[in-house]
Amino acid sequence: ILTRITLPGAIFLGAIAVLPFIAQGAWKVQSFPFAGTAVLIMVGVALETMKQIESQLMMRHYEGFLK
């Protein structure tokens, strides 16, 4: 399974890294506020936050079963 997801993952990360440069060329701006690494960090933080919220909600839901 690892070999099947390595190539698509690498292509996705490459696309994320190149996307700000494409946006700069498309909109003819000199500076683009979001670099590829910033986009990856924001998405990672958002996903982790969503996981934490979901786990907290699940713990509150199952709290009645533990008592």
C-alpha atoms as a PDB file:
ATOM      1  CA  ILE A   1       0.000   0.000   0.000  1.00  0.00           C
ATOM      2  CA  LEU A   2       2.838   2.373   0.790  1.00  0.00           C
ATOM      3  CA  THR A   3       4.219   2.192  -2.740  1.00  0.00           C
ATOM      4  CA  ARG A   4       0.799   2.992  -4.222  1.00  0.00           C
ATOM      5  CA  ILE A   5       0.385   6.193  -2.222  1.00  0.00           C
ATOM      6  CA  THR A   6       3.932   7.507  -2.510  1.00  0.00           C
ATOM      7  CA  LEU A   7       3.709   8.749  -6.107  1.00  0.00           C
ATOM      8  CA  PRO A   8       0.302  10.474  -5.778  1.00  0.00           C
ATOM      9  CA  GLY A   9       1.426  12.008  -2.481  1.00  0.00           C
ATOM     10  CA  ALA A  10       4.600  13.336  -4.062  1.00  0.00           C
ATOM     11  CA  ILE A  11       2.647  14.770  -6.995  1.00  0.00           C
ATOM     12  CA  PHE A  12       0.184  16.429  -4.603  1.00  0.00           C
ATOM     13  CA  LEU A  13       2.963  17.990  -2.511  1.00  0.00           C
ATOM     14  CA  GLY A  14       4.689  19.216  -5.661  1.00  0.00           C
ATOM     15  CA  ALA A  15       1.452  20.786  -6.882  1.00  0.00           C
ATOM     16  CA  ILE A  16       0.942  22.530  -3.532  1.00  0.00           C
ATOM     17  CA  ALA A  17       4.491  23.891  -3.677  1.00  0.00           C
ATOM     18  CA  VAL A  18       4.054  25.223  -7.242  1.00  0.00           C
ATOM     19  CA  LEU A  19       0.505  26.559  -6.790  1.00  0.00           C
ATOM     20  CA  PRO A  20       1.524  29.985  -5.359  1.00  0.00           C
ATOM     21  CA  PHE A  21       3.785  30.619  -8.362  1.00  0.00           C
ATOM     22  CA  ILE A  22       0.957  29.750 -10.744  1.00  0.00           C
ATOM     23  CA  ALA A  23      -1.375  32.076  -8.825  1.00  0.00           C
ATOM     24  CA  GLN A  24       1.182  34.895  -9.060  1.00  0.00           C
ATOM     25  CA  GLY A  25       1.374  34.484 -12.820  1.00  0.00           C
ATOM     26  CA  ALA A  26      -2.377  34.177 -13.292  1.00  0.00           C
ATOM     27  CA  TRP A  27      -3.297  37.263 -11.274  1.00  0.00           C
ATOM     28  CA  LYS A  28      -0.210  39.325 -12.176  1.00  0.00           C
ATOM     29  CA  VAL A  29       0.679  40.149  -8.577  1.00  0.00           C
ATOM     30  CA  GLN A  30       4.187  40.687  -7.274  1.00  0.00           C
ATOM     31  CA  SER A  31       3.722  39.056  -3.894  1.00  0.00           C
ATOM     32  CA  PHE A  32       1.402  36.250  -2.916  1.00  0.00           C
ATOM     33  CA  PRO A  33       0.780  36.040   0.847  1.00  0.00           C
ATOM     34  CA  PHE A  34       0.555  32.240   1.011  1.00  0.00           C
ATOM     35  CA  ALA A  35       3.575  30.135   0.136  1.00  0.00           C
ATOM     36  CA  GLY A  36       3.310  26.391  -0.423  1.00  0.00           C
ATOM     37  CA  THR A  37       4.602  25.537   3.028  1.00  0.00           C
ATOM     38  CA  ALA A  38       2.185  27.982   4.653  1.00  0.00           C
ATOM     39  CA  VAL A  39      -0.724  26.297   2.869  1.00  0.00           C
ATOM     40  CA  LEU A  40       0.449  22.871   4.050  1.00  0.00           C
ATOM     41  CA  ILE A  41       0.810  24.105   7.628  1.00  0.00           C
ATOM     42  CA  MET A  42      -2.649  25.721   7.621  1.00  0.00           C
ATOM     43  CA  VAL A  43      -4.289  22.576   6.259  1.00  0.00           C
ATOM     44  CA  GLY A  44      -2.438  20.393   8.766  1.00  0.00           C
ATOM     45  CA  VAL A  45      -3.442  22.583  11.696  1.00  0.00           C
ATOM     46  CA  ALA A  46      -7.064  22.704  10.526  1.00  0.00           C
ATOM     47  CA  LEU A  47      -7.240  18.914  10.167  1.00  0.00           C
ATOM     48  CA  GLU A  48      -5.648  18.332  13.559  1.00  0.00           C
ATOM     49  CA  THR A  49      -8.006  20.827  15.196  1.00  0.00           C
ATOM     50  CA  MET A  50     -10.997  19.081  13.640  1.00  0.00           C
ATOM     51  CA  LYS A  51      -9.732  15.722  14.936  1.00  0.00           C
ATOM     52  CA  GLN A  52      -9.303  17.121  18.443  1.00  0.00           C
ATOM     53  CA  ILE A  53     -12.796  18.632  18.465  1.00  0.00           C
ATOM     54  CA  GLU A  54     -14.300  15.393  17.185  1.00  0.00           C
ATOM     55  CA  SER A  55     -12.511  13.333  19.823  1.00  0.00           C
ATOM     56  CA  GLN A  56     -13.666  15.698  22.586  1.00  0.00           C
ATOM     57  CA  LEU A  57     -17.255  15.411  21.373  1.00  0.00           C
ATOM     58  CA  MET A  58     -16.980  11.622  21.267  1.00  0.00           C
ATOM     59  CA  MET A  59     -15.631  11.541  24.834  1.00  0.00           C
ATOM     60  CA  ARG A  60     -18.567  13.614  26.058  1.00  0.00           C
ATOM     61  CA  HIS A  61     -20.984  11.357  24.203  1.00  0.00           C
ATOM     62  CA  TYR A  62     -19.557   8.157  25.734  1.00  0.00           C
ATOM     63  CA  GLU A  63     -19.113   9.587  29.228  1.00  0.00           C
ATOM     64  CA  GLY A  64     -22.508   8.224  30.290  1.00  0.00           C
ATOM     65  CA  PHE A  65     -21.476   4.665  29.428  1.00  0.00           C
ATOM     66  CA  LEU A  66     -18.381   4.830  31.620  1.00  0.00           C
ATOM     67  CA  LYS A  67     -20.253   5.727  34.828  1.00  0.00           C
END
